[in-house]
Amino acid sequence: MKFRIKYQIPNIKYQFDIKFKMSNNKNNNFDLEERTAEFGENIIKFAKKIPKNTITIPIITQLIKAGTSVGANYCEADGAESKKDFEHKMGICKKEAKETKHWLRMVATAVSELKEESRKLWKEAQELTLIFSSSINSSKKKRK
């Protein structure tokens, strides 16, 4: 099953296809859990390519912390005890994705040869940020 999320920013329109898949235990399993896990894995692989020096070491540390916590926090949100708890935990996912974008920008500045790969990861972090925002907004509307 697919559905489309639309997120409007002035003069720019984002659309994302999100797929639901059936797991072996016959429960609906949201593909976003896998997507955020893969994002964290890609952040780790990318961080290994960054040359280590006095400028990049703290950036690498922060990038890995923020980038890998997106998936961990999504797992927490998925197991939320209430809609308010879900919204709060999804808000943390959104903040961590935004922080990851910041550190990817710093890597692109510090190591110009990794700029293109950094940009690809930045785009994925941006998409995740928009998905989390949309999910929070949908949950709030349903709660009212």
C-alpha atoms as a PDB file:
ATOM      1  CA  MET A   1       0.000   0.000   0.000  1.00  0.00           C
ATOM      2  CA  LYS A   2       1.338   3.484  -0.825  1.00  0.00           C
ATOM      3  CA  PHE A   3       0.334   6.932   0.217  1.00  0.00           C
ATOM      4  CA  ARG A   4       1.718  10.318  -0.691  1.00  0.00           C
ATOM      5  CA  ILE A   5       2.837  12.950   1.789  1.00  0.00           C
ATOM      6  CA  LYS A   6       2.704  16.510   0.535  1.00  0.00           C
ATOM      7  CA  TYR A   7       4.638  19.223   2.308  1.00  0.00           C
ATOM      8  CA  GLN A   8       4.413  22.783   1.061  1.00  0.00           C
ATOM      9  CA  ILE A   9       7.197  25.319   1.437  1.00  0.00           C
ATOM     10  CA  PRO A  10       6.647  28.631  -0.324  1.00  0.00           C
ATOM     11  CA  ASN A  11       7.342  28.138  -4.051  1.00  0.00           C
ATOM     12  CA  ILE A  12       8.540  24.543  -3.494  1.00  0.00           C
ATOM     13  CA  LYS A  13       6.439  21.405  -3.282  1.00  0.00           C
ATOM     14  CA  TYR A  14       7.818  18.170  -1.792  1.00  0.00           C
ATOM     15  CA  GLN A  15       6.168  14.810  -2.316  1.00  0.00           C
ATOM     16  CA  PHE A  16       7.287  11.475  -0.929  1.00  0.00           C
ATOM     17  CA  ASP A  17       6.123   7.961  -1.593  1.00  0.00           C
ATOM     18  CA  ILE A  18       6.054   5.865   1.549  1.00  0.00           C
ATOM     19  CA  LYS A  19       5.338   2.175   1.305  1.00  0.00           C
ATOM     20  CA  PHE A  20       3.817  -0.111   3.878  1.00  0.00           C
ATOM     21  CA  LYS A  21       4.943  -3.707   3.742  1.00  0.00           C
ATOM     22  CA  MET A  22       3.576  -6.805   5.357  1.00  0.00           C
ATOM     23  CA  SER A  23       5.958  -8.573   7.708  1.00  0.00           C
ATOM     24  CA  ASN A  24       6.041 -12.323   8.355  1.00  0.00           C
ATOM     25  CA  ASN A  25       4.103 -11.912  11.609  1.00  0.00           C
ATOM     26  CA  LYS A  26       1.134 -10.462   9.684  1.00  0.00           C
ATOM     27  CA  ASN A  27       1.435  -6.996  11.263  1.00  0.00           C
ATOM     28  CA  ASN A  28       1.765  -3.838   9.196  1.00  0.00           C
ATOM     29  CA  ASN A  29       5.411  -2.852   9.316  1.00  0.00           C
ATOM     30  CA  PHE A  30       6.168   0.750   8.391  1.00  0.00           C
ATOM     31  CA  ASP A  31       9.078   1.002   5.945  1.00  0.00           C
ATOM     32  CA  LEU A  32      10.338   4.136   7.721  1.00  0.00           C
ATOM     33  CA  GLU A  33      11.997   1.990  10.398  1.00  0.00           C
ATOM     34  CA  GLU A  34      14.182   0.345   7.750  1.00  0.00           C
ATOM     35  CA  ARG A  35      14.796   3.653   6.005  1.00  0.00           C
ATOM     36  CA  THR A  36      16.024   5.346   9.182  1.00  0.00           C
ATOM     37  CA  ALA A  37      18.223   2.333  10.023  1.00  0.00           C
ATOM     38  CA  GLU A  38      19.794   2.448   6.557  1.00  0.00           C
ATOM     39  CA  PHE A  39      20.300   6.185   6.964  1.00  0.00           C
ATOM     40  CA  GLY A  40      22.251   5.577  10.172  1.00  0.00           C
ATOM     41  CA  GLU A  41      24.328   2.872   8.485  1.00  0.00           C
ATOM     42  CA  ASN A  42      25.102   5.210   5.586  1.00  0.00           C
ATOM     43  CA  ILE A  43      26.167   7.922   8.039  1.00  0.00           C
ATOM     44  CA  ILE A  44      28.604   5.470   9.675  1.00  0.00           C
ATOM     45  CA  LYS A  45      30.041   4.414   6.295  1.00  0.00           C
ATOM     46  CA  PHE A  46      30.386   8.058   5.275  1.00  0.00           C
ATOM     47  CA  ALA A  47      32.047   9.016   8.566  1.00  0.00           C
ATOM     48  CA  LYS A  48      34.711   6.340   8.000  1.00  0.00           C
ATOM     49  CA  LYS A  49      35.729   8.162   4.789  1.00  0.00           C
ATOM     50  CA  ILE A  50      36.330  11.480   6.527  1.00  0.00           C
ATOM     51  CA  PRO A  51      40.034  12.134   7.148  1.00  0.00           C
ATOM     52  CA  LYS A  52      40.728  12.606  10.836  1.00  0.00           C
ATOM     53  CA  ASN A  53      42.319  15.848  12.015  1.00  0.00           C
ATOM     54  CA  THR A  54      41.720  18.411  14.739  1.00  0.00           C
ATOM     55  CA  ILE A  55      38.831  19.971  12.796  1.00  0.00           C
ATOM     56  CA  THR A  56      37.041  16.836  11.653  1.00  0.00           C
ATOM     57  CA  ILE A  57      37.236  14.626  14.756  1.00  0.00           C
ATOM     58  CA  PRO A  58      34.576  16.563  16.729  1.00  0.00           C
ATOM     59  CA  ILE A  59      32.423  16.877  13.594  1.00  0.00           C
ATOM     60  CA  ILE A  60      32.614  13.108  12.975  1.00  0.00           C
ATOM     61  CA  THR A  61      31.577  12.406  16.565  1.00  0.00           C
ATOM     62  CA  GLN A  62      28.581  14.738  16.397  1.00  0.00           C
ATOM     63  CA  LEU A  63      27.563  13.503  12.933  1.00  0.00           C
ATOM     64  CA  ILE A  64      27.532   9.875  14.060  1.00  0.00           C
ATOM     65  CA  LYS A  65      25.611  10.672  17.257  1.00  0.00           C
ATOM     66  CA  ALA A  66      22.919  12.683  15.463  1.00  0.00           C
ATOM     67  CA  GLY A  67      22.689  10.534  12.322  1.00  0.00           C
ATOM     68  CA  THR A  68      22.379   7.193  14.100  1.00  0.00           C
ATOM     69  CA  SER A  69      19.946   8.478  16.718  1.00  0.00           C
ATOM     70  CA  VAL A  70      17.306   9.233  14.065  1.00  0.00           C
ATOM     71  CA  GLY A  71      16.510   5.524  13.683  1.00  0.00           C
ATOM     72  CA  ALA A  72      16.764   4.782  17.394  1.00  0.00           C
ATOM     73  CA  ASN A  73      14.351   7.591  18.207  1.00  0.00           C
ATOM     74  CA  TYR A  74      11.982   6.464  15.453  1.00  0.00           C
ATOM     75  CA  CYS A  75      11.878   3.012  17.101  1.00  0.00           C
ATOM     76  CA  GLU A  76      10.994   4.762  20.362  1.00  0.00           C
ATOM     77  CA  ALA A  77       8.251   6.758  18.629  1.00  0.00           C
ATOM     78  CA  ASP A  78       6.896   3.594  17.043  1.00  0.00           C
ATOM     79  CA  GLY A  79       6.408   2.149  20.521  1.00  0.00           C
ATOM     80  CA  ALA A  80       4.931   5.321  22.036  1.00  0.00           C
ATOM     81  CA  GLU A  81       2.378   4.927  24.795  1.00  0.00           C
ATOM     82  CA  SER A  82       0.125   7.772  23.677  1.00  0.00           C
ATOM     83  CA  LYS A  83      -0.369  10.192  20.791  1.00  0.00           C
ATOM     84  CA  LYS A  84       1.319  12.941  22.802  1.00  0.00           C
ATOM     85  CA  ASP A  85       4.273  10.643  23.531  1.00  0.00           C
ATOM     86  CA  PHE A  86       4.422   9.745  19.814  1.00  0.00           C
ATOM     87  CA  GLU A  87       4.433  13.414  18.803  1.00  0.00           C
ATOM     88  CA  HIS A  88       7.168  14.199  21.329  1.00  0.00           C
ATOM     89  CA  LYS A  89       9.390  11.337  20.163  1.00  0.00           C
ATOM     90  CA  MET A  90       8.802  12.139  16.501  1.00  0.00           C
ATOM     91  CA  GLY A  91       9.813  15.711  17.364  1.00  0.00           C
ATOM     92  CA  ILE A  92      13.107  14.331  18.666  1.00  0.00           C
ATOM     93  CA  CYS A  93      13.551  12.401  15.392  1.00  0.00           C
ATOM     94  CA  LYS A  94      12.984  15.629  13.492  1.00  0.00           C
ATOM     95  CA  LYS A  95      15.496  17.554  15.633  1.00  0.00           C
ATOM     96  CA  GLU A  96      18.151  14.845  15.205  1.00  0.00           C
ATOM     97  CA  ALA A  97      17.625  14.774  11.426  1.00  0.00           C
ATOM     98  CA  LYS A  98      18.000  18.568  11.318  1.00  0.00           C
ATOM     99  CA  GLU A  99      21.151  18.382  13.432  1.00  0.00           C
ATOM    100  CA  THR A 100      22.536  15.738  11.067  1.00  0.00           C
ATOM    101  CA  LYS A 101      21.996  18.165   8.180  1.00  0.00           C
ATOM    102  CA  HIS A 102      24.067  20.754  10.044  1.00  0.00           C
ATOM    103  CA  TRP A 103      26.991  18.362  10.608  1.00  0.00           C
ATOM    104  CA  LEU A 104      26.864  17.171   6.986  1.00  0.00           C
ATOM    105  CA  ARG A 105      27.197  20.805   5.924  1.00  0.00           C
ATOM    106  CA  MET A 106      30.230  21.173   8.199  1.00  0.00           C
ATOM    107  CA  VAL A 107      31.825  18.053   6.657  1.00  0.00           C
ATOM    108  CA  ALA A 108      31.257  19.453   3.164  1.00  0.00           C
ATOM    109  CA  THR A 109      33.038  22.631   4.239  1.00  0.00           C
ATOM    110  CA  ALA A 110      35.910  20.855   6.021  1.00  0.00           C
ATOM    111  CA  VAL A 111      36.489  18.163   3.366  1.00  0.00           C
ATOM    112  CA  SER A 112      35.519  19.514  -0.035  1.00  0.00           C
ATOM    113  CA  GLU A 113      36.138  16.199  -1.842  1.00  0.00           C
ATOM    114  CA  LEU A 114      33.237  14.677   0.153  1.00  0.00           C
ATOM    115  CA  LYS A 115      30.840  17.489  -0.740  1.00  0.00           C
ATOM    116  CA  GLU A 116      28.742  15.506  -3.230  1.00  0.00           C
ATOM    117  CA  GLU A 117      28.307  12.481  -0.969  1.00  0.00           C
ATOM    118  CA  SER A 118      27.520  14.812   1.912  1.00  0.00           C
ATOM    119  CA  ARG A 119      24.871  16.504  -0.239  1.00  0.00           C
ATOM    120  CA  LYS A 120      23.157  13.151  -0.967  1.00  0.00           C
ATOM    121  CA  LEU A 121      22.964  12.317   2.726  1.00  0.00           C
ATOM    122  CA  TRP A 122      21.773  15.865   3.443  1.00  0.00           C
ATOM    123  CA  LYS A 123      18.892  15.364   0.994  1.00  0.00           C
ATOM    124  CA  GLU A 124      17.871  12.135   2.726  1.00  0.00           C
ATOM    125  CA  ALA A 125      18.018  13.904   6.111  1.00  0.00           C
ATOM    126  CA  GLN A 126      15.825  16.664   4.652  1.00  0.00           C
ATOM    127  CA  GLU A 127      13.275  14.144   3.384  1.00  0.00           C
ATOM    128  CA  LEU A 128      13.190  12.461   6.788  1.00  0.00           C
ATOM    129  CA  THR A 129      12.730  15.850   8.457  1.00  0.00           C
ATOM    130  CA  LEU A 130       9.737  16.599   6.222  1.00  0.00           C
ATOM    131  CA  ILE A 131       8.241  13.144   6.806  1.00  0.00           C
ATOM    132  CA  PHE A 132       8.553  13.549  10.581  1.00  0.00           C
ATOM    133  CA  SER A 133       6.977  17.017  10.385  1.00  0.00           C
ATOM    134  CA  SER A 134       4.066  15.710   8.374  1.00  0.00           C
ATOM    135  CA  SER A 135       3.570  12.794  10.739  1.00  0.00           C
ATOM    136  CA  ILE A 136       3.548  15.095  13.781  1.00  0.00           C
ATOM    137  CA  ASN A 137       1.071  17.466  12.121  1.00  0.00           C
ATOM    138  CA  SER A 138      -1.225  14.582  11.112  1.00  0.00           C
ATOM    139  CA  SER A 139      -1.175  13.192  14.629  1.00  0.00           C
ATOM    140  CA  LYS A 140      -1.989  16.585  16.145  1.00  0.00           C
ATOM    141  CA  LYS A 141      -4.922  17.063  13.753  1.00  0.00           C
ATOM    142  CA  LYS A 142      -6.325  13.655  14.650  1.00  0.00           C
ATOM    143  CA  ARG A 143      -5.970  14.410  18.355  1.00  0.00           C
ATOM    144  CA  LYS A 144      -8.105  17.585  18.130  1.00  0.00           C
END
